[in-house]
Amino acid sequence: MHWVVWIYENLGKLQEAEELGRLVVKKQRDVLGEHHPDALDSTGNLAFVFTQLGRLREAEELNIAVLKTRRHILGENHPETLTLAHNHPDTLFSMANLAVTYLGLGRFREAEVLQVAVLQQRKSSLGENHPETMRTMNNLAVTYYKLGRLQEAEDLGSVVLEKRSSILGANHPDTLYAMMKLAMIYNKLGRLQMAETMLVEALNKQTNLLGNSHPDTLQTQSNLGATLNKLERWQEAEDFLLPALEKQKNILSANHPHLIVTMQNMADTYTKLGKLEEAEDLNEALKRLKV
């Protein structure tokens, strides 16, 4: 049943994923016990859903609990199993999930430490071309971007996009996600035309493949609006940002980082378009979220 949760999450049906995820965790804990590997897997999956929804404190709490339990079960304090405890695939999965949560919480240094450790072990055990290795590389590129280490971010993001395009295909959701993330690095580097071209391509493909309400599609749409803002094409920016904002409000928590970014960009666009009341309303809403 936990695979159904994964399917809902990948389809962007986050509310359904949460509801089913809670049910699976409860049943597995009741039947198998909370320390059973299947129960821990399901708890980790639920934590990831919380991260996607922007409920980061709840995600952090679950991720830390799962990571501690797995290390304990694998024998962290026994000399012969110390390495296994840290390098076991289940432990690495929990560390990677916790790193994504820290990234959402703005705790970028903590995210980097975990991601570097996970990436090293996944390269060693799975190889550089394994999907989980590439996922960790992509997340680390995002962390470098957040830390302002843009050259490292670009180098790593370019490798991920090239590998995913070659292995998964140009139209795979993971490839399109990597394209969107690399485009935002280009945005930050001031390579706006290249960023726009990549975002338009990713958005068109994501809309056809995932639908226009999938969280990944909406993030790309929001990022394209932000790029158009920088290009001073404010009416076009509004045309992308406004529908993205309305849909994100329906599926993400009120303090989700992606929603907040879209609100900030929309407020900037309204200001440039002379829609000062709308801009003020959004800025007031943002202030309340930061309290």
Protein backbone atom coordinates (compact mmCIF):
# COMPACT_ATOMS: atom_id res chain seq x y z
CA MET A 1 0.00 0.00 0.00
CA HIS A 2 2.94 2.35 0.60
CA TRP A 3 3.58 2.22 -3.16
CA VAL A 4 0.19 3.84 -3.68
CA VAL A 5 1.34 6.68 -1.41
CA TRP A 6 4.44 7.05 -3.60
CA ILE A 7 2.27 7.09 -6.74
CA TYR A 8 -0.01 9.79 -5.30
CA GLU A 9 3.03 11.88 -4.34
CA ASN A 10 4.54 11.59 -7.82
CA LEU A 11 1.21 12.54 -9.37
CA GLY A 12 1.16 15.66 -7.21
CA LYS A 13 -1.89 14.43 -5.25
CA LEU A 14 -0.37 15.38 -1.93
CA GLN A 15 -3.53 15.45 0.20
CA GLU A 16 -4.42 11.93 -0.92
CA ALA A 17 -0.82 10.85 -0.30
CA GLU A 18 -0.97 12.21 3.26
CA GLU A 19 -4.29 10.57 4.08
CA LEU A 20 -3.22 7.17 2.81
CA GLY A 21 0.26 7.57 4.29
CA ARG A 22 -1.16 8.16 7.76
CA LEU A 23 -3.36 5.08 7.40
CA VAL A 24 -0.45 2.89 6.28
CA VAL A 25 1.79 4.06 9.13
CA LYS A 26 -0.91 3.40 11.74
CA LYS A 27 -1.73 -0.08 10.44
CA GLN A 28 1.90 -1.14 10.10
CA ARG A 29 2.77 0.12 13.57
CA ASP A 30 -0.25 -1.71 15.03
CA VAL A 31 0.50 -4.98 13.25
CA LEU A 32 4.29 -4.99 12.88
CA GLY A 33 5.47 -2.57 15.56
CA GLU A 34 6.89 0.89 15.12
CA HIS A 35 10.48 -0.37 14.73
CA HIS A 36 9.72 -2.79 11.90
CA PRO A 37 11.57 -1.85 8.66
CA ASP A 38 8.30 -1.58 6.72
CA ALA A 39 6.81 0.73 9.35
CA LEU A 40 9.95 2.88 9.24
CA ASP A 41 9.81 3.01 5.44
CA SER A 42 6.19 4.18 5.57
CA THR A 43 6.98 6.77 8.25
CA GLY A 44 9.84 8.08 6.11
CA ASN A 45 7.52 8.29 3.11
CA LEU A 46 4.97 10.22 5.16
CA ALA A 47 7.71 12.61 6.28
CA PHE A 48 8.60 13.21 2.63
CA VAL A 49 4.95 14.00 1.86
CA PHE A 50 4.97 16.51 4.73
CA THR A 51 8.07 18.11 3.18
CA GLN A 52 6.33 18.37 -0.19
CA LEU A 53 3.33 19.98 1.52
CA GLY A 54 5.60 22.50 3.27
CA ARG A 55 4.89 21.14 6.76
CA LEU A 56 8.58 21.10 7.49
CA ARG A 57 8.58 20.90 11.29
CA GLU A 58 6.43 17.78 11.17
CA ALA A 59 8.67 16.34 8.48
CA GLU A 60 11.80 17.08 10.50
CA GLU A 61 10.38 15.40 13.60
CA LEU A 62 9.47 12.22 11.72
CA ASN A 63 12.73 12.11 9.74
CA ILE A 64 14.89 12.44 12.85
CA ALA A 65 12.90 9.75 14.66
CA VAL A 66 13.24 7.34 11.73
CA LEU A 67 16.97 8.04 11.34
CA LYS A 68 17.68 7.50 15.04
CA THR A 69 15.69 4.27 15.09
CA ARG A 70 17.41 2.88 12.02
CA ARG A 71 20.85 3.66 13.39
CA HIS A 72 19.91 2.00 16.68
CA ILE A 73 18.48 -1.11 15.00
CA LEU A 74 21.53 -1.48 12.75
CA GLY A 75 23.80 -1.46 15.77
CA GLU A 76 25.34 1.99 15.74
CA ASN A 77 27.19 1.40 19.01
CA HIS A 78 28.76 -1.92 18.03
CA PRO A 79 32.24 -1.46 16.53
CA GLU A 80 31.75 -4.04 13.79
CA THR A 81 28.45 -2.55 12.63
CA LEU A 82 29.21 1.15 13.06
CA THR A 83 30.00 1.62 9.37
CA LEU A 84 26.96 -0.39 8.30
CA ALA A 85 24.68 1.70 10.49
CA HIS A 86 25.71 4.88 8.72
CA ASN A 87 26.02 3.47 5.21
CA HIS A 88 23.02 1.15 5.05
CA PRO A 89 20.66 2.13 2.17
CA ASP A 90 17.77 2.70 4.59
CA THR A 91 19.90 5.02 6.74
CA LEU A 92 21.08 6.92 3.66
CA PHE A 93 17.46 7.27 2.50
CA SER A 94 16.51 8.78 5.88
CA MET A 95 19.53 11.12 5.81
CA ALA A 96 18.64 12.27 2.29
CA ASN A 97 15.04 12.97 3.30
CA LEU A 98 16.14 14.91 6.37
CA ALA A 99 18.50 16.96 4.19
CA VAL A 100 15.61 17.95 1.89
CA THR A 101 13.64 19.03 4.96
CA TYR A 102 16.57 21.12 6.21
CA LEU A 103 16.79 22.69 2.76
CA GLY A 104 13.15 23.77 3.03
CA LEU A 105 13.77 25.12 6.53
CA GLY A 106 16.65 27.26 5.29
CA ARG A 107 19.23 25.23 7.25
CA PHE A 108 21.50 24.96 4.24
CA ARG A 109 24.74 24.06 6.00
CA GLU A 110 23.12 21.12 7.77
CA ALA A 111 21.57 20.01 4.50
CA GLU A 112 24.97 20.17 2.77
CA VAL A 113 26.69 18.03 5.42
CA LEU A 114 24.09 15.29 5.07
CA GLN A 115 23.96 15.45 1.27
CA VAL A 116 27.73 15.27 0.83
CA ALA A 117 27.88 12.20 3.08
CA VAL A 118 24.97 10.51 1.30
CA LEU A 119 26.36 11.31 -2.14
CA GLN A 120 29.76 9.85 -1.30
CA GLN A 121 28.22 6.59 -0.09
CA ARG A 122 25.74 6.32 -2.96
CA LYS A 123 28.46 6.85 -5.55
CA SER A 124 30.46 4.09 -3.88
CA SER A 125 27.64 1.58 -3.47
CA LEU A 126 25.26 2.38 -6.35
CA GLY A 127 27.42 4.14 -8.93
CA GLU A 128 27.23 7.66 -10.35
CA ASN A 129 24.40 6.88 -12.77
CA HIS A 130 21.94 5.37 -10.29
CA PRO A 131 18.69 7.40 -9.95
CA GLU A 132 19.18 7.85 -6.19
CA THR A 133 22.75 9.08 -6.71
CA MET A 134 21.54 11.59 -9.30
CA ARG A 135 18.69 12.67 -6.99
CA THR A 136 21.21 13.42 -4.25
CA MET A 137 23.44 15.30 -6.70
CA ASN A 138 20.50 17.41 -7.85
CA ASN A 139 19.49 18.25 -4.28
CA LEU A 140 23.09 19.15 -3.43
CA ALA A 141 23.17 21.47 -6.46
CA VAL A 142 20.09 23.22 -5.07
CA THR A 143 21.81 23.56 -1.69
CA TYR A 144 24.89 25.10 -3.33
CA TYR A 145 22.53 27.50 -5.15
CA LYS A 146 20.95 28.50 -1.84
CA LEU A 147 24.40 28.99 -0.31
CA GLY A 148 25.41 31.27 -3.18
CA ARG A 149 28.02 28.82 -4.46
CA LEU A 150 26.74 29.21 -7.99
CA GLN A 151 29.65 27.74 -9.94
CA GLU A 152 29.47 24.53 -7.90
CA ALA A 153 25.71 24.53 -8.33
CA GLU A 154 25.98 24.95 -12.09
CA ASP A 155 28.66 22.27 -12.45
CA LEU A 156 26.68 19.71 -10.48
CA GLY A 157 23.32 20.66 -11.99
CA SER A 158 24.73 20.36 -15.52
CA VAL A 159 26.04 16.86 -14.79
CA VAL A 160 22.66 15.76 -13.43
CA LEU A 161 20.76 17.11 -16.42
CA GLU A 162 23.15 15.48 -18.88
CA LYS A 163 22.99 12.11 -17.12
CA ARG A 164 19.22 12.14 -16.72
CA SER A 165 18.70 13.15 -20.35
CA SER A 166 20.95 10.33 -21.48
CA ILE A 167 19.66 7.63 -19.14
CA LEU A 168 16.01 8.54 -18.52
CA GLY A 169 15.25 10.52 -21.67
CA ALA A 170 14.59 14.19 -22.36
CA ASN A 171 10.92 13.98 -21.38
CA HIS A 172 11.21 12.12 -18.06
CA PRO A 173 9.81 14.06 -15.05
CA ASP A 174 13.16 13.83 -13.23
CA THR A 175 14.96 15.24 -16.29
CA LEU A 176 12.50 18.12 -16.52
CA TYR A 177 12.90 18.82 -12.80
CA ALA A 178 16.68 18.97 -13.22
CA MET A 179 16.22 21.30 -16.21
CA MET A 180 14.05 23.63 -14.14
CA LYS A 181 16.57 23.72 -11.29
CA LEU A 182 19.50 24.39 -13.62
CA ALA A 183 17.51 27.17 -15.28
CA MET A 184 17.13 28.91 -11.93
CA ILE A 185 20.89 28.74 -11.42
CA TYR A 186 21.27 30.41 -14.82
CA ASN A 187 18.71 33.00 -13.67
CA LYS A 188 20.86 33.79 -10.63
CA LEU A 189 23.95 33.99 -12.83
CA GLY A 190 22.21 36.54 -15.05
CA ARG A 191 21.94 34.23 -18.06
CA LEU A 192 18.27 35.09 -18.41
CA GLN A 193 17.64 34.17 -22.04
CA MET A 194 19.03 30.69 -21.48
CA ALA A 195 16.97 30.36 -18.30
CA GLU A 196 13.80 31.43 -20.10
CA THR A 197 14.36 28.99 -22.97
CA MET A 198 14.88 26.07 -20.60
CA LEU A 199 11.90 26.97 -18.41
CA VAL A 200 9.56 27.30 -21.38
CA GLU A 201 10.63 23.88 -22.64
CA ALA A 202 10.31 22.28 -19.21
CA LEU A 203 6.92 23.89 -18.57
CA ASN A 204 5.45 22.76 -21.89
CA LYS A 205 6.61 19.19 -21.34
CA GLN A 206 5.54 19.08 -17.68
CA THR A 207 2.10 20.43 -18.56
CA ASN A 208 1.64 17.68 -21.15
CA LEU A 209 3.11 14.94 -18.97
CA LEU A 210 2.06 15.85 -15.42
CA GLY A 211 -0.80 18.29 -15.93
CA ASN A 212 -1.06 22.00 -15.18
CA SER A 213 -1.72 21.53 -11.44
CA HIS A 214 1.21 19.29 -10.52
CA PRO A 215 3.56 20.88 -7.95
CA ASP A 216 6.57 20.53 -10.28
CA THR A 217 4.67 22.19 -13.14
CA LEU A 218 3.62 25.05 -10.87
CA GLN A 219 7.15 25.54 -9.56
CA THR A 220 8.46 25.79 -13.11
CA GLN A 221 5.65 28.19 -14.03
CA SER A 222 6.49 30.36 -11.01
CA ASN A 223 10.19 30.33 -11.87
CA LEU A 224 9.42 31.35 -15.45
CA GLY A 225 7.41 34.28 -14.10
CA ALA A 226 10.37 35.27 -11.91
CA THR A 227 12.69 35.16 -14.92
CA LEU A 228 10.29 37.31 -16.95
CA ASN A 229 10.28 39.77 -14.05
CA LYS A 230 14.05 40.10 -14.36
CA LEU A 231 13.64 40.60 -18.10
CA GLU A 232 11.20 43.44 -17.29
CA ARG A 233 8.37 41.69 -19.16
CA TRP A 234 5.96 42.24 -16.31
CA GLN A 235 2.66 41.57 -18.03
CA GLU A 236 3.92 38.22 -19.26
CA ALA A 237 5.24 37.53 -15.76
CA GLU A 238 1.78 38.16 -14.29
CA ASP A 239 0.21 35.81 -16.84
CA PHE A 240 2.38 32.97 -15.50
CA LEU A 241 2.60 33.90 -11.82
CA LEU A 242 -1.05 34.56 -11.04
CA PRO A 243 -2.47 31.16 -12.08
CA ALA A 244 0.50 29.41 -10.45
CA LEU A 245 -0.18 31.29 -7.22
CA GLU A 246 -3.88 30.39 -7.16
CA LYS A 247 -3.18 26.71 -7.73
CA GLN A 248 -0.34 26.56 -5.22
CA LYS A 249 -2.66 28.03 -2.58
CA ASN A 250 -4.97 25.07 -3.10
CA ILE A 251 -2.40 22.30 -2.75
CA LEU A 252 0.43 23.65 -0.57
CA SER A 253 0.50 24.77 3.04
CA ALA A 254 0.28 28.51 3.67
CA ASN A 255 3.97 28.74 4.62
CA HIS A 256 5.36 26.44 1.93
CA PRO A 257 8.65 27.88 0.56
CA HIS A 258 7.49 27.57 -3.06
CA LEU A 259 4.25 29.40 -2.34
CA ILE A 260 6.07 32.17 -0.49
CA VAL A 261 8.47 32.67 -3.40
CA THR A 262 5.56 32.92 -5.84
CA MET A 263 3.83 35.45 -3.58
CA GLN A 264 7.01 37.55 -3.41
CA ASN A 265 7.43 37.51 -7.18
CA MET A 266 3.76 38.30 -7.72
CA ALA A 267 3.99 41.26 -5.33
CA ASP A 268 7.01 42.58 -7.25
CA THR A 269 5.12 42.19 -10.54
CA TYR A 270 2.07 44.02 -9.21
CA THR A 271 4.31 46.89 -8.08
CA LYS A 272 5.93 47.18 -11.51
CA LEU A 273 2.50 47.11 -13.16
CA GLY A 274 1.23 49.87 -10.87
CA LYS A 275 -1.24 47.54 -9.10
CA LEU A 276 -0.24 48.85 -5.71
CA GLU A 277 -3.24 47.64 -3.69
CA GLU A 278 -2.75 44.08 -4.87
CA ALA A 279 0.97 44.34 -4.11
CA GLU A 280 0.25 45.67 -0.63
CA ASP A 281 -2.22 42.87 0.10
CA LEU A 282 0.37 40.24 -0.83
CA ASN A 283 3.13 41.94 1.15
CA GLU A 284 0.88 42.10 4.23
CA ALA A 285 0.11 38.39 3.83
CA LEU A 286 3.83 37.66 3.62
CA LYS A 287 4.49 39.66 6.79
CA ARG A 288 1.88 37.62 8.65
CA LEU A 289 3.53 34.39 7.52
CA LYS A 290 6.89 35.54 8.86
CA VAL A 291 5.54 36.39 12.31
